[in-house]
């Protein structure tokens, strides 16, 4: 089982980045996928999640209206489009997978660093 987050980088405030989570080794269409982030000295935060079935989504208040999560099961990929980035969005971003009826994420990928300069 593998999840690989990519697409991070350095961007100015107000800019955009698109993160991708490539998956393998498990049937993506049976799993909900979440994006998390952790900034230095802060707790890990779930910023977005997309279900496997009706593709319903969840967003943390801090990113609502700026971030969009989407999935392409045929390509085994889940994306996180991040617009209007703020310095407080700076963090390592991770993707993770969980079964739909579980609150626990079973599989985690290594993170990708997003740095937003002011």
PDB file of N, CA and C in Angstrom:
ATOM      1  N   UNK A   1       0.847  -1.194   0.000  1.00  0.00           N
ATOM      2  CA  UNK A   1       0.000   0.000   0.000  1.00  0.00           C
ATOM      3  C   UNK A   1       0.880   1.241   0.000  1.00  0.00           C
ATOM      4  N   UNK A   2       0.582   2.132  -0.927  1.00  0.00           N
ATOM      5  CA  UNK A   2       1.353   3.370  -0.987  1.00  0.00           C
ATOM      6  C   UNK A   2       0.460   4.554  -1.294  1.00  0.00           C
ATOM      7  N   UNK A   3       0.747   5.653  -0.615  1.00  0.00           N
ATOM      8  CA  UNK A   3       0.178   6.944  -0.959  1.00  0.00           C
ATOM      9  C   UNK A   3       1.354   7.900  -1.059  1.00  0.00           C
ATOM     10  N   UNK A   4       1.391   8.647  -2.119  1.00  0.00           N
ATOM     11  CA  UNK A   4       2.492   9.561  -2.347  1.00  0.00           C
ATOM     12  C   UNK A   4       1.950  10.948  -2.652  1.00  0.00           C
ATOM     13  N   UNK A   5       2.211  11.872  -1.733  1.00  0.00           N
ATOM     14  CA  UNK A   5       1.794  13.258  -1.937  1.00  0.00           C
ATOM     15  C   UNK A   5       2.883  14.013  -2.689  1.00  0.00           C
ATOM     16  N   UNK A   6       2.475  14.857  -3.605  1.00  0.00           N
ATOM     17  CA  UNK A   6       3.423  15.664  -4.371  1.00  0.00           C
ATOM     18  C   UNK A   6       2.774  16.993  -4.737  1.00  0.00           C
ATOM     19  N   UNK A   7       3.597  17.898  -5.236  1.00  0.00           N
ATOM     20  CA  UNK A   7       3.074  19.173  -5.714  1.00  0.00           C
ATOM     21  C   UNK A   7       3.347  20.350  -4.805  1.00  0.00           C
ATOM     22  N   UNK A   8       3.970  20.101  -3.670  1.00  0.00           N
ATOM     23  CA  UNK A   8       4.280  21.193  -2.772  1.00  0.00           C
ATOM     24  C   UNK A   8       5.363  22.094  -3.328  1.00  0.00           C
ATOM     25  N   UNK A   9       5.564  23.211  -2.668  1.00  0.00           N
ATOM     26  CA  UNK A   9       6.593  24.141  -3.102  1.00  0.00           C
ATOM     27  C   UNK A   9       6.456  25.468  -2.401  1.00  0.00           C
ATOM     28  N   UNK A  10       7.181  26.439  -2.930  1.00  0.00           N
ATOM     29  CA  UNK A  10       7.170  27.792  -2.382  1.00  0.00           C
ATOM     30  C   UNK A  10       6.296  28.672  -3.274  1.00  0.00           C
ATOM     31  N   UNK A  11       5.376  29.389  -2.655  1.00  0.00           N
ATOM     32  CA  UNK A  11       4.470  30.258  -3.405  1.00  0.00           C
ATOM     33  C   UNK A  11       4.232  31.523  -2.596  1.00  0.00           C
ATOM     34  N   UNK A  12       3.972  32.612  -3.285  1.00  0.00           N
ATOM     35  CA  UNK A  12       3.653  33.857  -2.593  1.00  0.00           C
ATOM     36  C   UNK A  12       2.211  33.849  -2.119  1.00  0.00           C
ATOM     37  N   UNK A  13       1.965  34.618  -1.097  1.00  0.00           N
ATOM     38  CA  UNK A  13       0.602  34.760  -0.595  1.00  0.00           C
ATOM     39  C   UNK A  13      -0.317  35.200  -1.725  1.00  0.00           C
ATOM     40  N   UNK A  14      -1.484  34.578  -1.778  1.00  0.00           N
ATOM     41  CA  UNK A  14      -2.426  34.855  -2.849  1.00  0.00           C
ATOM     42  C   UNK A  14      -2.296  33.913  -4.021  1.00  0.00           C
ATOM     43  N   UNK A  15      -1.237  33.153  -4.041  1.00  0.00           N
ATOM     44  CA  UNK A  15      -0.994  32.224  -5.133  1.00  0.00           C
ATOM     45  C   UNK A  15      -1.732  30.909  -4.969  1.00  0.00           C
ATOM     46  N   UNK A  16      -1.446  29.995  -5.900  1.00  0.00           N
ATOM     47  CA  UNK A  16      -2.124  28.700  -5.923  1.00  0.00           C
ATOM     48  C   UNK A  16      -1.121  27.559  -6.069  1.00  0.00           C
ATOM     49  N   UNK A  17      -1.510  26.424  -5.550  1.00  0.00           N
ATOM     50  CA  UNK A  17      -0.779  25.175  -5.751  1.00  0.00           C
ATOM     51  C   UNK A  17      -1.794  24.050  -5.873  1.00  0.00           C
ATOM     52  N   UNK A  18      -1.405  23.006  -6.590  1.00  0.00           N
ATOM     53  CA  UNK A  18      -2.249  21.820  -6.663  1.00  0.00           C
ATOM     54  C   UNK A  18      -1.443  20.625  -6.179  1.00  0.00           C
ATOM     55  N   UNK A  19      -1.922  20.012  -5.117  1.00  0.00           N
ATOM     56  CA  UNK A  19      -1.292  18.824  -4.587  1.00  0.00           C
ATOM     57  C   UNK A  19      -1.951  17.587  -5.177  1.00  0.00           C
ATOM     58  N   UNK A  20      -1.150  16.553  -5.370  1.00  0.00           N
ATOM     59  CA  UNK A  20      -1.664  15.279  -5.858  1.00  0.00           C
ATOM     60  C   UNK A  20      -1.285  14.171  -4.896  1.00  0.00           C
ATOM     61  N   UNK A  21      -2.199  13.231  -4.736  1.00  0.00           N
ATOM     62  CA  UNK A  21      -1.958  12.038  -3.928  1.00  0.00           C
ATOM     63  C   UNK A  21      -2.114  10.839  -4.845  1.00  0.00           C
ATOM     64  N   UNK A  22      -1.013  10.206  -5.170  1.00  0.00           N
ATOM     65  CA  UNK A  22      -1.039   9.019  -6.011  1.00  0.00           C
ATOM     66  C   UNK A  22      -1.089   7.793  -5.121  1.00  0.00           C
ATOM     67  N   UNK A  23      -1.977   6.866  -5.443  1.00  0.00           N
ATOM     68  CA  UNK A  23      -2.165   5.699  -4.590  1.00  0.00           C
ATOM     69  C   UNK A  23      -1.921   4.409  -5.355  1.00  0.00           C
ATOM     70  N   UNK A  24      -1.574   3.365  -4.619  1.00  0.00           N
ATOM     71  CA  UNK A  24      -1.397   2.040  -5.213  1.00  0.00           C
ATOM     72  C   UNK A  24      -1.490   1.000  -4.120  1.00  0.00           C
ATOM     73  N   UNK A  25      -1.824  -0.214  -4.523  1.00  0.00           N
ATOM     74  CA  UNK A  25      -1.838  -1.318  -3.573  1.00  0.00           C
ATOM     75  C   UNK A  25      -3.136  -1.526  -2.833  1.00  0.00           C
ATOM     76  N   UNK A  26      -4.138  -0.693  -3.104  1.00  0.00           N
ATOM     77  CA  UNK A  26      -5.448  -0.895  -2.492  1.00  0.00           C
ATOM     78  C   UNK A  26      -6.493  -0.286  -3.425  1.00  0.00           C
ATOM     79  N   UNK A  27      -7.736  -0.737  -3.315  1.00  0.00           N
ATOM     80  CA  UNK A  27      -8.778  -0.245  -4.224  1.00  0.00           C
ATOM     81  C   UNK A  27      -9.259   1.143  -3.808  1.00  0.00           C
ATOM     82  N   UNK A  28      -8.760   2.144  -4.476  1.00  0.00           N
ATOM     83  CA  UNK A  28      -9.059   3.524  -4.085  1.00  0.00           C
ATOM     84  C   UNK A  28     -10.555   3.792  -4.021  1.00  0.00           C
ATOM     85  N   UNK A  29     -11.319   3.154  -4.903  1.00  0.00           N
ATOM     86  CA  UNK A  29     -12.747   3.460  -4.945  1.00  0.00           C
ATOM     87  C   UNK A  29     -13.499   2.922  -3.731  1.00  0.00           C
ATOM     88  N   UNK A  30     -12.826   2.187  -2.858  1.00  0.00           N
ATOM     89  CA  UNK A  30     -13.458   1.723  -1.623  1.00  0.00           C
ATOM     90  C   UNK A  30     -13.038   2.547  -0.404  1.00  0.00           C
ATOM     91  N   UNK A  31     -12.296   3.599  -0.635  1.00  0.00           N
ATOM     92  CA  UNK A  31     -11.740   4.370   0.484  1.00  0.00           C
ATOM     93  C   UNK A  31     -12.051   5.853   0.361  1.00  0.00           C
ATOM     94  N   UNK A  32     -12.321   6.460   1.502  1.00  0.00           N
ATOM     95  CA  UNK A  32     -12.347   7.907   1.583  1.00  0.00           C
ATOM     96  C   UNK A  32     -10.904   8.395   1.722  1.00  0.00           C
ATOM     97  N   UNK A  33     -10.636   9.564   1.182  1.00  0.00           N
ATOM     98  CA  UNK A  33      -9.293  10.128   1.233  1.00  0.00           C
ATOM     99  C   UNK A  33      -9.331  11.490   1.908  1.00  0.00           C
ATOM    100  N   UNK A  34      -8.402  11.676   2.806  1.00  0.00           N
ATOM    101  CA  UNK A  34      -8.302  12.956   3.493  1.00  0.00           C
ATOM    102  C   UNK A  34      -6.952  13.605   3.255  1.00  0.00           C
ATOM    103  N   UNK A  35      -6.956  14.922   3.273  1.00  0.00           N
ATOM    104  CA  UNK A  35      -5.710  15.698   3.267  1.00  0.00           C
ATOM    105  C   UNK A  35      -5.550  16.318   4.647  1.00  0.00           C
ATOM    106  N   UNK A  36      -4.360  16.197   5.173  1.00  0.00           N
ATOM    107  CA  UNK A  36      -4.023  16.735   6.482  1.00  0.00           C
ATOM    108  C   UNK A  36      -2.821  17.667   6.322  1.00  0.00           C
ATOM    109  N   UNK A  37      -2.620  18.495   7.320  1.00  0.00           N
ATOM    110  CA  UNK A  37      -1.411  19.312   7.336  1.00  0.00           C
ATOM    111  C   UNK A  37      -0.928  19.469   8.764  1.00  0.00           C
ATOM    112  N   UNK A  38       0.378  19.674   8.865  1.00  0.00           N
ATOM    113  CA  UNK A  38       0.974  19.922  10.167  1.00  0.00           C
ATOM    114  C   UNK A  38       2.044  20.978  10.028  1.00  0.00           C
ATOM    115  N   UNK A  39       1.836  22.055  10.735  1.00  0.00           N
ATOM    116  CA  UNK A  39       2.805  23.144  10.758  1.00  0.00           C
ATOM    117  C   UNK A  39       3.715  22.974  11.979  1.00  0.00           C
ATOM    118  N   UNK A  40       4.895  23.531  11.944  1.00  0.00           N
ATOM    119  CA  UNK A  40       5.820  23.402  13.079  1.00  0.00           C
ATOM    120  C   UNK A  40       5.185  23.873  14.381  1.00  0.00           C
ATOM    121  N   UNK A  41       5.241  23.029  15.398  1.00  0.00           N
ATOM    122  CA  UNK A  41       4.721  23.394  16.699  1.00  0.00           C
ATOM    123  C   UNK A  41       3.211  23.314  16.832  1.00  0.00           C
ATOM    124  N   UNK A  42       2.561  22.834  15.778  1.00  0.00           N
ATOM    125  CA  UNK A  42       1.096  22.751  15.816  1.00  0.00           C
ATOM    126  C   UNK A  42       0.641  21.306  15.636  1.00  0.00           C
ATOM    127  N   UNK A  43      -0.583  21.045  16.048  1.00  0.00           N
ATOM    128  CA  UNK A  43      -1.148  19.718  15.886  1.00  0.00           C
ATOM    129  C   UNK A  43      -1.540  19.486  14.431  1.00  0.00           C
ATOM    130  N   UNK A  44      -1.577  18.233  14.074  1.00  0.00           N
ATOM    131  CA  UNK A  44      -2.022  17.883  12.734  1.00  0.00           C
ATOM    132  C   UNK A  44      -3.489  18.233  12.567  1.00  0.00           C
ATOM    133  N   UNK A  45      -3.843  18.746  11.421  1.00  0.00           N
ATOM    134  CA  UNK A  45      -5.199  19.217  11.137  1.00  0.00           C
ATOM    135  C   UNK A  45      -5.702  18.560   9.859  1.00  0.00           C
ATOM    136  N   UNK A  46      -6.913  18.056   9.907  1.00  0.00           N
ATOM    137  CA  UNK A  46      -7.535  17.559   8.689  1.00  0.00           C
ATOM    138  C   UNK A  46      -8.116  18.752   7.959  1.00  0.00           C
ATOM    139  N   UNK A  47      -7.695  18.972   6.726  1.00  0.00           N
ATOM    140  CA  UNK A  47      -8.167  20.143   5.994  1.00  0.00           C
ATOM    141  C   UNK A  47      -9.256  19.808   4.994  1.00  0.00           C
ATOM    142  N   UNK A  48      -9.281  18.579   4.498  1.00  0.00           N
ATOM    143  CA  UNK A  48     -10.302  18.211   3.520  1.00  0.00           C
ATOM    144  C   UNK A  48     -10.420  16.698   3.450  1.00  0.00           C
ATOM    145  N   UNK A  49     -11.598  16.252   3.059  1.00  0.00           N
ATOM    146  CA  UNK A  49     -11.831  14.828   2.888  1.00  0.00           C
ATOM    147  C   UNK A  49     -12.861  14.644   1.783  1.00  0.00           C
ATOM    148  N   UNK A  50     -12.732  13.553   1.044  1.00  0.00           N
ATOM    149  CA  UNK A  50     -13.706  13.229   0.009  1.00  0.00           C
ATOM    150  C   UNK A  50     -14.104  11.777   0.169  1.00  0.00           C
ATOM    151  N   UNK A  51     -15.398  11.520   0.129  1.00  0.00           N
ATOM    152  CA  UNK A  51     -15.897  10.166   0.301  1.00  0.00           C
ATOM    153  C   UNK A  51     -15.633   9.334  -0.944  1.00  0.00           C
ATOM    154  N   UNK A  52     -15.793   8.026  -0.790  1.00  0.00           N
ATOM    155  CA  UNK A  52     -15.563   7.149  -1.936  1.00  0.00           C
ATOM    156  C   UNK A  52     -16.812   6.989  -2.792  1.00  0.00           C
ATOM    157  N   UNK A  53     -17.974   7.177  -2.199  1.00  0.00           N
ATOM    158  CA  UNK A  53     -19.220   6.851  -2.879  1.00  0.00           C
ATOM    159  C   UNK A  53     -19.826   8.048  -3.602  1.00  0.00           C
ATOM    160  N   UNK A  54     -20.450   8.933  -2.850  1.00  0.00           N
ATOM    161  CA  UNK A  54     -21.111  10.071  -3.477  1.00  0.00           C
ATOM    162  C   UNK A  54     -20.196  11.273  -3.632  1.00  0.00           C
ATOM    163  N   UNK A  55     -18.942  11.050  -3.289  1.00  0.00           N
ATOM    164  CA  UNK A  55     -17.934  12.100  -3.415  1.00  0.00           C
ATOM    165  C   UNK A  55     -18.297  13.348  -2.613  1.00  0.00           C
ATOM    166  N   UNK A  56     -19.002  13.135  -1.533  1.00  0.00           N
ATOM    167  CA  UNK A  56     -19.257  14.266  -0.644  1.00  0.00           C
ATOM    168  C   UNK A  56     -17.933  14.715  -0.036  1.00  0.00           C
ATOM    169  N   UNK A  57     -17.870  15.978   0.313  1.00  0.00           N
ATOM    170  CA  UNK A  57     -16.613  16.549   0.772  1.00  0.00           C
ATOM    171  C   UNK A  57     -16.775  17.234   2.119  1.00  0.00           C
ATOM    172  N   UNK A  58     -15.652  17.346   2.790  1.00  0.00           N
ATOM    173  CA  UNK A  58     -15.558  18.075   4.054  1.00  0.00           C
ATOM    174  C   UNK A  58     -14.374  19.015   3.938  1.00  0.00           C
ATOM    175  N   UNK A  59     -14.527  20.213   4.460  1.00  0.00           N
ATOM    176  CA  UNK A  59     -13.429  21.165   4.510  1.00  0.00           C
ATOM    177  C   UNK A  59     -13.349  21.790   5.899  1.00  0.00           C
ATOM    178  N   UNK A  60     -12.164  21.961   6.384  1.00  0.00           N
ATOM    179  CA  UNK A  60     -11.977  22.718   7.611  1.00  0.00           C
ATOM    180  C   UNK A  60     -12.359  24.176   7.352  1.00  0.00           C
ATOM    181  N   UNK A  61     -12.850  24.814   8.369  1.00  0.00           N
ATOM    182  CA  UNK A  61     -13.267  26.218   8.217  1.00  0.00           C
ATOM    183  C   UNK A  61     -12.118  27.085   7.713  1.00  0.00           C
ATOM    184  N   UNK A  62     -10.921  26.730   8.097  1.00  0.00           N
ATOM    185  CA  UNK A  62      -9.763  27.547   7.748  1.00  0.00           C
ATOM    186  C   UNK A  62      -9.453  27.532   6.245  1.00  0.00           C
ATOM    187  N   UNK A  63      -9.992  26.548   5.513  1.00  0.00           N
ATOM    188  CA  UNK A  63      -9.677  26.467   4.083  1.00  0.00           C
ATOM    189  C   UNK A  63     -10.930  26.518   3.215  1.00  0.00           C
ATOM    190  N   UNK A  64     -12.083  26.538   3.826  1.00  0.00           N
ATOM    191  CA  UNK A  64     -13.339  26.511   3.084  1.00  0.00           C
ATOM    192  C   UNK A  64     -13.414  27.691   2.121  1.00  0.00           C
ATOM    193  N   UNK A  65     -13.774  27.389   0.883  1.00  0.00           N
ATOM    194  CA  UNK A  65     -13.875  28.436  -0.123  1.00  0.00           C
ATOM    195  C   UNK A  65     -12.569  28.691  -0.861  1.00  0.00           C
ATOM    196  N   UNK A  66     -11.478  28.138  -0.364  1.00  0.00           N
ATOM    197  CA  UNK A  66     -10.169  28.337  -1.009  1.00  0.00           C
ATOM    198  C   UNK A  66      -9.589  27.034  -1.539  1.00  0.00           C
ATOM    199  N   UNK A  67      -9.872  25.934  -0.871  1.00  0.00           N
ATOM    200  CA  UNK A  67      -9.333  24.636  -1.259  1.00  0.00           C
ATOM    201  C   UNK A  67     -10.447  23.789  -1.863  1.00  0.00           C
ATOM    202  N   UNK A  68     -10.084  22.956  -2.839  1.00  0.00           N
ATOM    203  CA  UNK A  68     -11.035  22.034  -3.446  1.00  0.00           C
ATOM    204  C   UNK A  68     -10.389  20.656  -3.564  1.00  0.00           C
ATOM    205  N   UNK A  69     -11.071  19.656  -3.024  1.00  0.00           N
ATOM    206  CA  UNK A  69     -10.581  18.283  -3.111  1.00  0.00           C
ATOM    207  C   UNK A  69     -11.352  17.562  -4.200  1.00  0.00           C
ATOM    208  N   UNK A  70     -10.667  16.719  -4.956  1.00  0.00           N
ATOM    209  CA  UNK A  70     -11.321  15.952  -6.009  1.00  0.00           C
ATOM    210  C   UNK A  70     -10.593  14.612  -6.145  1.00  0.00           C
ATOM    211  N   UNK A  71     -11.256  13.670  -6.811  1.00  0.00           N
ATOM    212  CA  UNK A  71     -10.652  12.363  -6.979  1.00  0.00           C
ATOM    213  C   UNK A  71     -10.889  11.832  -8.374  1.00  0.00           C
ATOM    214  N   UNK A  72      -9.954  11.044  -8.851  1.00  0.00           N
ATOM    215  CA  UNK A  72     -10.060  10.348 -10.130  1.00  0.00           C
ATOM    216  C   UNK A  72      -9.670   8.904  -9.840  1.00  0.00           C
ATOM    217  N   UNK A  73     -10.669   8.081  -9.604  1.00  0.00           N
ATOM    218  CA  UNK A  73     -10.385   6.692  -9.231  1.00  0.00           C
ATOM    219  C   UNK A  73      -9.692   5.935 -10.352  1.00  0.00           C
ATOM    220  N   UNK A  74     -10.021   6.280 -11.582  1.00  0.00           N
ATOM    221  CA  UNK A  74      -9.405   5.589 -12.714  1.00  0.00           C
ATOM    222  C   UNK A  74      -7.899   5.837 -12.766  1.00  0.00           C
ATOM    223  N   UNK A  75      -7.481   6.988 -12.278  1.00  0.00           N
ATOM    224  CA  UNK A  75      -6.060   7.326 -12.261  1.00  0.00           C
ATOM    225  C   UNK A  75      -5.438   7.130 -10.884  1.00  0.00           C
ATOM    226  N   UNK A  76      -6.233   6.591  -9.945  1.00  0.00           N
ATOM    227  CA  UNK A  76      -5.741   6.356  -8.579  1.00  0.00           C
ATOM    228  C   UNK A  76      -5.128   7.612  -7.972  1.00  0.00           C
ATOM    229  N   UNK A  77      -5.830   8.714  -8.163  1.00  0.00           N
ATOM    230  CA  UNK A  77      -5.291  10.000  -7.722  1.00  0.00           C
ATOM    231  C   UNK A  77      -6.363  10.841  -7.044  1.00  0.00           C
ATOM    232  N   UNK A  78      -5.950  11.505  -5.979  1.00  0.00           N
ATOM    233  CA  UNK A  78      -6.795  12.494  -5.319  1.00  0.00           C
ATOM    234  C   UNK A  78      -6.018  13.809  -5.296  1.00  0.00           C
ATOM    235  N   UNK A  79      -6.686  14.885  -5.644  1.00  0.00           N
ATOM    236  CA  UNK A  79      -6.017  16.180  -5.745  1.00  0.00           C
ATOM    237  C   UNK A  79      -6.565  17.171  -4.733  1.00  0.00           C
ATOM    238  N   UNK A  80      -5.743  18.135  -4.409  1.00  0.00           N
ATOM    239  CA  UNK A  80      -6.164  19.241  -3.542  1.00  0.00           C
ATOM    240  C   UNK A  80      -5.715  20.537  -4.214  1.00  0.00           C
ATOM    241  N   UNK A  81      -6.687  21.249  -4.770  1.00  0.00           N
ATOM    242  CA  UNK A  81      -6.411  22.540  -5.382  1.00  0.00           C
ATOM    243  C   UNK A  81      -6.469  23.602  -4.304  1.00  0.00           C
ATOM    244  N   UNK A  82      -5.388  24.344  -4.162  1.00  0.00           N
ATOM    245  CA  UNK A  82      -5.302  25.345  -3.097  1.00  0.00           C
ATOM    246  C   UNK A  82      -5.131  26.724  -3.726  1.00  0.00           C
ATOM    247  N   UNK A  83      -6.117  27.571  -3.523  1.00  0.00           N
ATOM    248  CA  UNK A  83      -6.098  28.927  -4.057  1.00  0.00           C
ATOM    249  C   UNK A  83      -6.042  29.946  -2.923  1.00  0.00           C
ATOM    250  N   UNK A  84      -5.717  31.162  -3.284  1.00  0.00           N
ATOM    251  CA  UNK A  84      -5.668  32.265  -2.306  1.00  0.00           C
ATOM    252  C   UNK A  84      -4.879  31.859  -1.062  1.00  0.00           C
ATOM    253  N   UNK A  85      -3.729  31.312  -1.295  1.00  0.00           N
ATOM    254  CA  UNK A  85      -2.914  30.793  -0.191  1.00  0.00           C
ATOM    255  C   UNK A  85      -2.455  31.906   0.742  1.00  0.00           C
ATOM    256  N   UNK A  86      -2.373  31.556   2.002  1.00  0.00           N
ATOM    257  CA  UNK A  86      -1.970  32.482   3.053  1.00  0.00           C
ATOM    258  C   UNK A  86      -0.721  31.934   3.749  1.00  0.00           C
ATOM    259  N   UNK A  87       0.055  32.801   4.364  1.00  0.00           N
ATOM    260  CA  UNK A  87       1.237  32.304   5.100  1.00  0.00           C
ATOM    261  C   UNK A  87       0.881  31.244   6.137  1.00  0.00           C
ATOM    262  N   UNK A  88      -0.307  31.337   6.713  1.00  0.00           N
ATOM    263  CA  UNK A  88      -0.703  30.344   7.719  1.00  0.00           C
ATOM    264  C   UNK A  88      -1.041  28.986   7.125  1.00  0.00           C
ATOM    265  N   UNK A  89      -1.055  28.889   5.808  1.00  0.00           N
ATOM    266  CA  UNK A  89      -1.225  27.589   5.156  1.00  0.00           C
ATOM    267  C   UNK A  89       0.089  26.826   5.066  1.00  0.00           C
ATOM    268  N   UNK A  90       1.172  27.463   5.446  1.00  0.00           N
ATOM    269  CA  UNK A  90       2.479  26.802   5.407  1.00  0.00           C
ATOM    270  C   UNK A  90       2.491  25.598   6.337  1.00  0.00           C
ATOM    271  N   UNK A  91       2.836  24.443   5.777  1.00  0.00           N
ATOM    272  CA  UNK A  91       2.817  23.197   6.550  1.00  0.00           C
ATOM    273  C   UNK A  91       3.290  22.061   5.656  1.00  0.00           C
ATOM    274  N   UNK A  92       3.489  20.923   6.269  1.00  0.00           N
ATOM    275  CA  UNK A  92       3.662  19.685   5.510  1.00  0.00           C
ATOM    276  C   UNK A  92       2.266  19.093   5.321  1.00  0.00           C
ATOM    277  N   UNK A  93       1.947  18.775   4.091  1.00  0.00           N
ATOM    278  CA  UNK A  93       0.630  18.232   3.745  1.00  0.00           C
ATOM    279  C   UNK A  93       0.753  16.739   3.472  1.00  0.00           C
ATOM    280  N   UNK A  94      -0.179  16.001   4.042  1.00  0.00           N
ATOM    281  CA  UNK A  94      -0.212  14.562   3.911  1.00  0.00           C
ATOM    282  C   UNK A  94      -1.572  14.122   3.358  1.00  0.00           C
ATOM    283  N   UNK A  95      -1.590  13.009   2.630  1.00  0.00           N
ATOM    284  CA  UNK A  95      -2.852  12.384   2.268  1.00  0.00           C
ATOM    285  C   UNK A  95      -2.944  11.043   2.998  1.00  0.00           C
ATOM    286  N   UNK A  96      -4.177  10.627   3.246  1.00  0.00           N
ATOM    287  CA  UNK A  96      -4.407   9.390   3.986  1.00  0.00           C
ATOM    288  C   UNK A  96      -5.720   8.770   3.531  1.00  0.00           C
ATOM    289  N   UNK A  97      -5.851   7.460   3.753  1.00  0.00           N
ATOM    290  CA  UNK A  97      -7.024   6.718   3.307  1.00  0.00           C
ATOM    291  C   UNK A  97      -7.701   6.033   4.488  1.00  0.00           C
ATOM    292  N   UNK A  98      -9.014   5.991   4.446  1.00  0.00           N
ATOM    293  CA  UNK A  98      -9.770   5.260   5.466  1.00  0.00           C
ATOM    294  C   UNK A  98     -10.986   4.608   4.828  1.00  0.00           C
ATOM    295  N   UNK A  99     -11.440   3.530   5.461  1.00  0.00           N
ATOM    296  CA  UNK A  99     -12.673   2.913   5.012  1.00  0.00           C
ATOM    297  C   UNK A  99     -13.841   3.857   5.324  1.00  0.00           C
ATOM    298  N   UNK A 100     -14.871   3.847   4.539  1.00  0.00           N
ATOM    299  CA  UNK A 100     -15.962   4.831   4.678  1.00  0.00           C
ATOM    300  C   UNK A 100     -16.620   4.848   6.050  1.00  0.00           C
ATOM    301  N   UNK A 101     -16.780   3.685   6.680  1.00  0.00           N
ATOM    302  CA  UNK A 101     -17.505   3.641   7.951  1.00  0.00           C
ATOM    303  C   UNK A 101     -16.584   3.793   9.153  1.00  0.00           C
ATOM    304  N   UNK A 102     -15.347   4.071   8.894  1.00  0.00           N
ATOM    305  CA  UNK A 102     -14.370   4.225   9.975  1.00  0.00           C
ATOM    306  C   UNK A 102     -13.935   5.672  10.098  1.00  0.00           C
ATOM    307  N   UNK A 103     -13.611   6.060  11.305  1.00  0.00           N
ATOM    308  CA  UNK A 103     -13.063   7.395  11.519  1.00  0.00           C
ATOM    309  C   UNK A 103     -11.541   7.372  11.551  1.00  0.00           C
ATOM    310  N   UNK A 104     -10.979   6.177  11.520  1.00  0.00           N
ATOM    311  CA  UNK A 104      -9.523   6.029  11.601  1.00  0.00           C
ATOM    312  C   UNK A 104      -8.926   5.895  10.208  1.00  0.00           C
ATOM    313  N   UNK A 105      -7.893   6.657   9.958  1.00  0.00           N
ATOM    314  CA  UNK A 105      -7.192   6.563   8.696  1.00  0.00           C
ATOM    315  C   UNK A 105      -6.172   5.427   8.782  1.00  0.00           C
ATOM    316  N   UNK A 106      -6.293   4.482   7.845  1.00  0.00           N
ATOM    317  CA  UNK A 106      -5.467   3.281   7.883  1.00  0.00           C
ATOM    318  C   UNK A 106      -4.106   3.474   7.216  1.00  0.00           C
ATOM    319  N   UNK A 107      -4.107   4.214   6.124  1.00  0.00           N
ATOM    320  CA  UNK A 107      -2.898   4.342   5.323  1.00  0.00           C
ATOM    321  C   UNK A 107      -2.526   5.805   5.178  1.00  0.00           C
ATOM    322  N   UNK A 108      -1.240   6.063   5.312  1.00  0.00           N
ATOM    323  CA  UNK A 108      -0.721   7.422   5.241  1.00  0.00           C
ATOM    324  C   UNK A 108       0.417   7.503   4.240  1.00  0.00           C
ATOM    325  N   UNK A 109       0.490   8.616   3.563  1.00  0.00           N
ATOM    326  CA  UNK A 109       1.618   8.857   2.687  1.00  0.00           C
ATOM    327  C   UNK A 109       2.619   9.789   3.349  1.00  0.00           C
ATOM    328  N   UNK A 110       3.792   9.874   2.743  1.00  0.00           N
ATOM    329  CA  UNK A 110       4.751  10.867   3.232  1.00  0.00           C
ATOM    330  C   UNK A 110       4.308  12.227   2.724  1.00  0.00           C
ATOM    331  N   UNK A 111       4.697  13.246   3.403  1.00  0.00           N
ATOM    332  CA  UNK A 111       4.147  14.556   3.124  1.00  0.00           C
ATOM    333  C   UNK A 111       4.879  15.330   2.049  1.00  0.00           C
ATOM    334  N   UNK A 112       4.267  16.438   1.689  1.00  0.00           N
ATOM    335  CA  UNK A 112       4.884  17.376   0.770  1.00  0.00           C
ATOM    336  C   UNK A 112       4.803  18.763   1.409  1.00  0.00           C
ATOM    337  N   UNK A 113       5.904  19.498   1.336  1.00  0.00           N
ATOM    338  CA  UNK A 113       5.992  20.775   2.035  1.00  0.00           C
ATOM    339  C   UNK A 113       5.427  21.904   1.187  1.00  0.00           C
ATOM    340  N   UNK A 114       4.540  22.662   1.806  1.00  0.00           N
ATOM    341  CA  UNK A 114       3.990  23.874   1.190  1.00  0.00           C
ATOM    342  C   UNK A 114       4.447  25.066   2.016  1.00  0.00           C
ATOM    343  N   UNK A 115       5.092  26.008   1.360  1.00  0.00           N
ATOM    344  CA  UNK A 115       5.556  27.210   2.037  1.00  0.00           C
ATOM    345  C   UNK A 115       4.963  28.422   1.334  1.00  0.00           C
ATOM    346  N   UNK A 116       4.251  29.238   2.089  1.00  0.00           N
ATOM    347  CA  UNK A 116       3.630  30.433   1.532  1.00  0.00           C
ATOM    348  C   UNK A 116       4.317  31.656   2.130  1.00  0.00           C
ATOM    349  N   UNK A 117       4.930  32.441   1.279  1.00  0.00           N
ATOM    350  CA  UNK A 117       5.639  33.622   1.747  1.00  0.00           C
ATOM    351  C   UNK A 117       4.723  34.846   1.714  1.00  0.00           C
ATOM    352  N   UNK A 118       4.976  35.741   2.647  1.00  0.00           N
ATOM    353  CA  UNK A 118       4.129  36.944   2.734  1.00  0.00           C
ATOM    354  C   UNK A 118       4.670  38.071   1.866  1.00  0.00           C
TER     355      UNK A 118
END
